[in-house]
Structures are given as structure tokens and as C-alpha cells.
């Protein structure tokens, strides 16, 4: 996702009024973070 955002920025397509790229990247980042925390915590709780 970071590479995609950088490519759009270099291409001049990352504008303040078109926030979808940044919003979707932020949502994906938070999802991956929560998934990683769940993977780290659940085995400890179940063991």
C-alpha cells in the first residue's frame, strides 16, 4: 500500500480533495495492525 501511495504521489494524482487513496491505506494499515495484535495475543490466551 505504501508503494501505491508513493506512486500516486509521484504521478500527481494524490490531491487533498481526492482522499480515497489515503483513507483506504489508513483503513488497511489499522486492519493489519489489529490482525497482528490478535495473532500475538490469542495464542497466549488459549495456551
PDB file of N, CA and C in Angstrom:
ATOM      1  N   UNK A   1       0.825  -1.186   0.000  1.00  0.00           N
ATOM      2  CA  UNK A   1       0.000   0.000   0.000  1.00  0.00           C
ATOM      3  C   UNK A   1       0.868   1.249   0.000  1.00  0.00           C
ATOM      4  N   UNK A   2       1.974   1.191   0.700  1.00  0.00           N
ATOM      5  CA  UNK A   2       2.861   2.351   0.733  1.00  0.00           C
ATOM      6  C   UNK A   2       3.415   2.669  -0.640  1.00  0.00           C
ATOM      7  N   UNK A   3       3.781   1.628  -1.386  1.00  0.00           N
ATOM      8  CA  UNK A   3       4.276   1.832  -2.741  1.00  0.00           C
ATOM      9  C   UNK A   3       3.212   2.435  -3.648  1.00  0.00           C
ATOM     10  N   UNK A   4       1.978   2.007  -3.473  1.00  0.00           N
ATOM     11  CA  UNK A   4       0.870   2.549  -4.256  1.00  0.00           C
ATOM     12  C   UNK A   4       0.664   4.030  -3.966  1.00  0.00           C
ATOM     13  N   UNK A   5       0.720   4.402  -2.691  1.00  0.00           N
ATOM     14  CA  UNK A   5       0.555   5.805  -2.317  1.00  0.00           C
ATOM     15  C   UNK A   5       1.706   6.641  -2.871  1.00  0.00           C
ATOM     16  N   UNK A   6       2.919   6.133  -2.793  1.00  0.00           N
ATOM     17  CA  UNK A   6       4.077   6.863  -3.330  1.00  0.00           C
ATOM     18  C   UNK A   6       3.944   7.028  -4.843  1.00  0.00           C
ATOM     19  N   UNK A   7       3.522   5.975  -5.536  1.00  0.00           N
ATOM     20  CA  UNK A   7       3.369   6.056  -6.985  1.00  0.00           C
ATOM     21  C   UNK A   7       2.311   7.076  -7.371  1.00  0.00           C
ATOM     22  N   UNK A   8       1.210   7.108  -6.643  1.00  0.00           N
ATOM     23  CA  UNK A   8       0.169   8.105  -6.934  1.00  0.00           C
ATOM     24  C   UNK A   8       0.651   9.512  -6.629  1.00  0.00           C
ATOM     25  N   UNK A   9       1.453   9.638  -5.602  1.00  0.00           N
ATOM     26  CA  UNK A   9       2.004  10.945  -5.268  1.00  0.00           C
ATOM     27  C   UNK A   9       2.949  11.433  -6.356  1.00  0.00           C
ATOM     28  N   UNK A  10       3.836  10.552  -6.824  1.00  0.00           N
ATOM     29  CA  UNK A  10       4.770  10.919  -7.894  1.00  0.00           C
ATOM     30  C   UNK A  10       4.032  11.219  -9.191  1.00  0.00           C
ATOM     31  N   UNK A  11       2.913  10.553  -9.418  1.00  0.00           N
ATOM     32  CA  UNK A  11       2.128  10.769 -10.631  1.00  0.00           C
ATOM     33  C   UNK A  11       1.246  12.008 -10.565  1.00  0.00           C
ATOM     34  N   UNK A  12       1.226  12.686  -9.415  1.00  0.00           N
ATOM     35  CA  UNK A  12       0.421  13.894  -9.264  1.00  0.00           C
ATOM     36  C   UNK A  12      -1.056  13.624  -9.069  1.00  0.00           C
ATOM     37  N   UNK A  13      -1.407  12.408  -8.694  1.00  0.00           N
ATOM     38  CA  UNK A  13      -2.817  12.051  -8.518  1.00  0.00           C
ATOM     39  C   UNK A  13      -3.252  12.039  -7.059  1.00  0.00           C
ATOM     40  N   UNK A  14      -2.379  12.404  -6.163  1.00  0.00           N
ATOM     41  CA  UNK A  14      -2.695  12.418  -4.742  1.00  0.00           C
ATOM     42  C   UNK A  14      -2.951  13.872  -4.331  1.00  0.00           C
ATOM     43  N   UNK A  15      -4.208  14.254  -4.376  1.00  0.00           N
ATOM     44  CA  UNK A  15      -4.605  15.628  -4.108  1.00  0.00           C
ATOM     45  C   UNK A  15      -5.431  15.696  -2.829  1.00  0.00           C
ATOM     46  N   UNK A  16      -5.450  16.854  -2.157  1.00  0.00           N
ATOM     47  CA  UNK A  16      -6.230  16.970  -0.919  1.00  0.00           C
ATOM     48  C   UNK A  16      -7.717  16.684  -1.103  1.00  0.00           C
ATOM     49  N   UNK A  17      -8.284  17.023  -2.250  1.00  0.00           N
ATOM     50  CA  UNK A  17      -9.727  16.798  -2.433  1.00  0.00           C
ATOM     51  C   UNK A  17     -10.061  15.360  -2.809  1.00  0.00           C
ATOM     52  N   UNK A  18      -9.069  14.583  -3.210  1.00  0.00           N
ATOM     53  CA  UNK A  18      -9.287  13.161  -3.512  1.00  0.00           C
ATOM     54  C   UNK A  18      -8.578  12.331  -2.449  1.00  0.00           C
ATOM     55  N   UNK A  19      -9.273  12.101  -1.352  1.00  0.00           N
ATOM     56  CA  UNK A  19      -8.683  11.474  -0.175  1.00  0.00           C
ATOM     57  C   UNK A  19      -8.844   9.965  -0.144  1.00  0.00           C
ATOM     58  N   UNK A  20      -9.487   9.374  -1.107  1.00  0.00           N
ATOM     59  CA  UNK A  20      -9.807   7.943  -1.043  1.00  0.00           C
ATOM     60  C   UNK A  20      -8.556   7.086  -0.899  1.00  0.00           C
ATOM     61  N   UNK A  21      -7.485   7.435  -1.597  1.00  0.00           N
ATOM     62  CA  UNK A  21      -6.261   6.643  -1.522  1.00  0.00           C
ATOM     63  C   UNK A  21      -5.710   6.637  -0.097  1.00  0.00           C
ATOM     64  N   UNK A  22      -5.631   7.789   0.517  1.00  0.00           N
ATOM     65  CA  UNK A  22      -5.098   7.870   1.878  1.00  0.00           C
ATOM     66  C   UNK A  22      -6.042   7.224   2.883  1.00  0.00           C
ATOM     67  N   UNK A  23      -7.342   7.434   2.721  1.00  0.00           N
ATOM     68  CA  UNK A  23      -8.306   6.833   3.639  1.00  0.00           C
ATOM     69  C   UNK A  23      -8.267   5.307   3.563  1.00  0.00           C
ATOM     70  N   UNK A  24      -8.216   4.753   2.354  1.00  0.00           N
ATOM     71  CA  UNK A  24      -8.163   3.301   2.205  1.00  0.00           C
ATOM     72  C   UNK A  24      -6.854   2.735   2.727  1.00  0.00           C
ATOM     73  N   UNK A  25      -5.763   3.443   2.525  1.00  0.00           N
ATOM     74  CA  UNK A  25      -4.472   2.993   3.049  1.00  0.00           C
ATOM     75  C   UNK A  25      -4.478   2.998   4.575  1.00  0.00           C
ATOM     76  N   UNK A  26      -5.072   4.017   5.168  1.00  0.00           N
ATOM     77  CA  UNK A  26      -5.154   4.088   6.626  1.00  0.00           C
ATOM     78  C   UNK A  26      -6.024   2.962   7.177  1.00  0.00           C
ATOM     79  N   UNK A  27      -7.153   2.680   6.524  1.00  0.00           N
ATOM     80  CA  UNK A  27      -8.005   1.575   6.969  1.00  0.00           C
ATOM     81  C   UNK A  27      -7.272   0.248   6.886  1.00  0.00           C
ATOM     82  N   UNK A  28      -6.545   0.033   5.801  1.00  0.00           N
ATOM     83  CA  UNK A  28      -5.792  -1.209   5.633  1.00  0.00           C
ATOM     84  C   UNK A  28      -4.705  -1.324   6.692  1.00  0.00           C
ATOM     85  N   UNK A  29      -4.017  -0.222   6.970  1.00  0.00           N
ATOM     86  CA  UNK A  29      -2.959  -0.201   7.985  1.00  0.00           C
ATOM     87  C   UNK A  29      -3.524  -0.584   9.352  1.00  0.00           C
ATOM     88  N   UNK A  30      -4.663  -0.012   9.714  1.00  0.00           N
ATOM     89  CA  UNK A  30      -5.263  -0.323  11.013  1.00  0.00           C
ATOM     90  C   UNK A  30      -5.741  -1.772  11.065  1.00  0.00           C
ATOM     91  N   UNK A  31      -6.297  -2.276   9.975  1.00  0.00           N
ATOM     92  CA  UNK A  31      -6.730  -3.674   9.936  1.00  0.00           C
ATOM     93  C   UNK A  31      -5.546  -4.615  10.144  1.00  0.00           C
ATOM     94  N   UNK A  32      -4.455  -4.361   9.465  1.00  0.00           N
ATOM     95  CA  UNK A  32      -3.272  -5.224   9.584  1.00  0.00           C
ATOM     96  C   UNK A  32      -2.705  -5.151  10.998  1.00  0.00           C
ATOM     97  N   UNK A  33      -2.707  -3.975  11.600  1.00  0.00           N
ATOM     98  CA  UNK A  33      -2.218  -3.825  12.970  1.00  0.00           C
ATOM     99  C   UNK A  33      -3.073  -4.619  13.954  1.00  0.00           C
ATOM    100  N   UNK A  34      -4.395  -4.494  13.831  1.00  0.00           N
ATOM    101  CA  UNK A  34      -5.289  -5.242  14.725  1.00  0.00           C
ATOM    102  C   UNK A  34      -5.172  -6.746  14.506  1.00  0.00           C
ATOM    103  N   UNK A  35      -5.015  -7.158  13.266  1.00  0.00           N
ATOM    104  CA  UNK A  35      -4.855  -8.574  12.980  1.00  0.00           C
ATOM    105  C   UNK A  35      -3.554  -9.102  13.598  1.00  0.00           C
ATOM    106  N   UNK A  36      -2.484  -8.341  13.505  1.00  0.00           N
ATOM    107  CA  UNK A  36      -1.217  -8.738  14.107  1.00  0.00           C
ATOM    108  C   UNK A  36      -1.307  -8.840  15.611  1.00  0.00           C
ATOM    109  N   UNK A  37      -1.997  -7.892  16.233  1.00  0.00           N
ATOM    110  CA  UNK A  37      -2.182  -7.955  17.687  1.00  0.00           C
ATOM    111  C   UNK A  37      -3.002  -9.178  18.084  1.00  0.00           C
ATOM    112  N   UNK A  38      -4.048  -9.468  17.316  1.00  0.00           N
ATOM    113  CA  UNK A  38      -4.861 -10.640  17.612  1.00  0.00           C
ATOM    114  C   UNK A  38      -4.065 -11.928  17.487  1.00  0.00           C
ATOM    115  N   UNK A  39      -3.221 -12.003  16.472  1.00  0.00           N
ATOM    116  CA  UNK A  39      -2.377 -13.190  16.285  1.00  0.00           C
ATOM    117  C   UNK A  39      -1.362 -13.319  17.410  1.00  0.00           C
ATOM    118  N   UNK A  40      -0.908 -12.201  17.950  1.00  0.00           N
ATOM    119  CA  UNK A  40       0.056 -12.250  19.041  1.00  0.00           C
ATOM    120  C   UNK A  40      -0.609 -12.586  20.380  1.00  0.00           C
ATOM    121  N   UNK A  41      -1.839 -12.149  20.590  1.00  0.00           N
ATOM    122  CA  UNK A  41      -2.485 -12.285  21.896  1.00  0.00           C
ATOM    123  C   UNK A  41      -3.284 -13.590  22.009  1.00  0.00           C
ATOM    124  N   UNK A  42      -4.005 -13.971  20.985  1.00  0.00           N
ATOM    125  CA  UNK A  42      -4.877 -15.150  21.087  1.00  0.00           C
ATOM    126  C   UNK A  42      -4.151 -16.440  21.462  1.00  0.00           C
ATOM    127  N   UNK A  43      -3.017 -16.750  20.875  1.00  0.00           N
ATOM    128  CA  UNK A  43      -2.345 -17.993  21.293  1.00  0.00           C
ATOM    129  C   UNK A  43      -1.945 -17.978  22.774  1.00  0.00           C
ATOM    130  N   UNK A  44      -1.600 -16.830  23.285  1.00  0.00           N
ATOM    131  CA  UNK A  44      -1.224 -16.741  24.700  1.00  0.00           C
ATOM    132  C   UNK A  44      -2.438 -16.948  25.611  1.00  0.00           C
ATOM    133  N   UNK A  45      -3.605 -16.488  25.161  1.00  0.00           N
ATOM    134  CA  UNK A  45      -4.802 -16.671  25.958  1.00  0.00           C
ATOM    135  C   UNK A  45      -5.322 -18.119  25.894  1.00  0.00           C
ATOM    136  N   UNK A  46      -5.116 -18.765  24.768  1.00  0.00           N
ATOM    137  CA  UNK A  46      -5.632 -20.126  24.594  1.00  0.00           C
ATOM    138  C   UNK A  46      -4.697 -21.200  25.110  1.00  0.00           C
ATOM    139  N   UNK A  47      -3.454 -20.848  25.372  1.00  0.00           N
ATOM    140  CA  UNK A  47      -2.476 -21.840  25.825  1.00  0.00           C
ATOM    141  C   UNK A  47      -2.525 -22.036  27.323  1.00  0.00           C
TER     142      UNK A  47
END
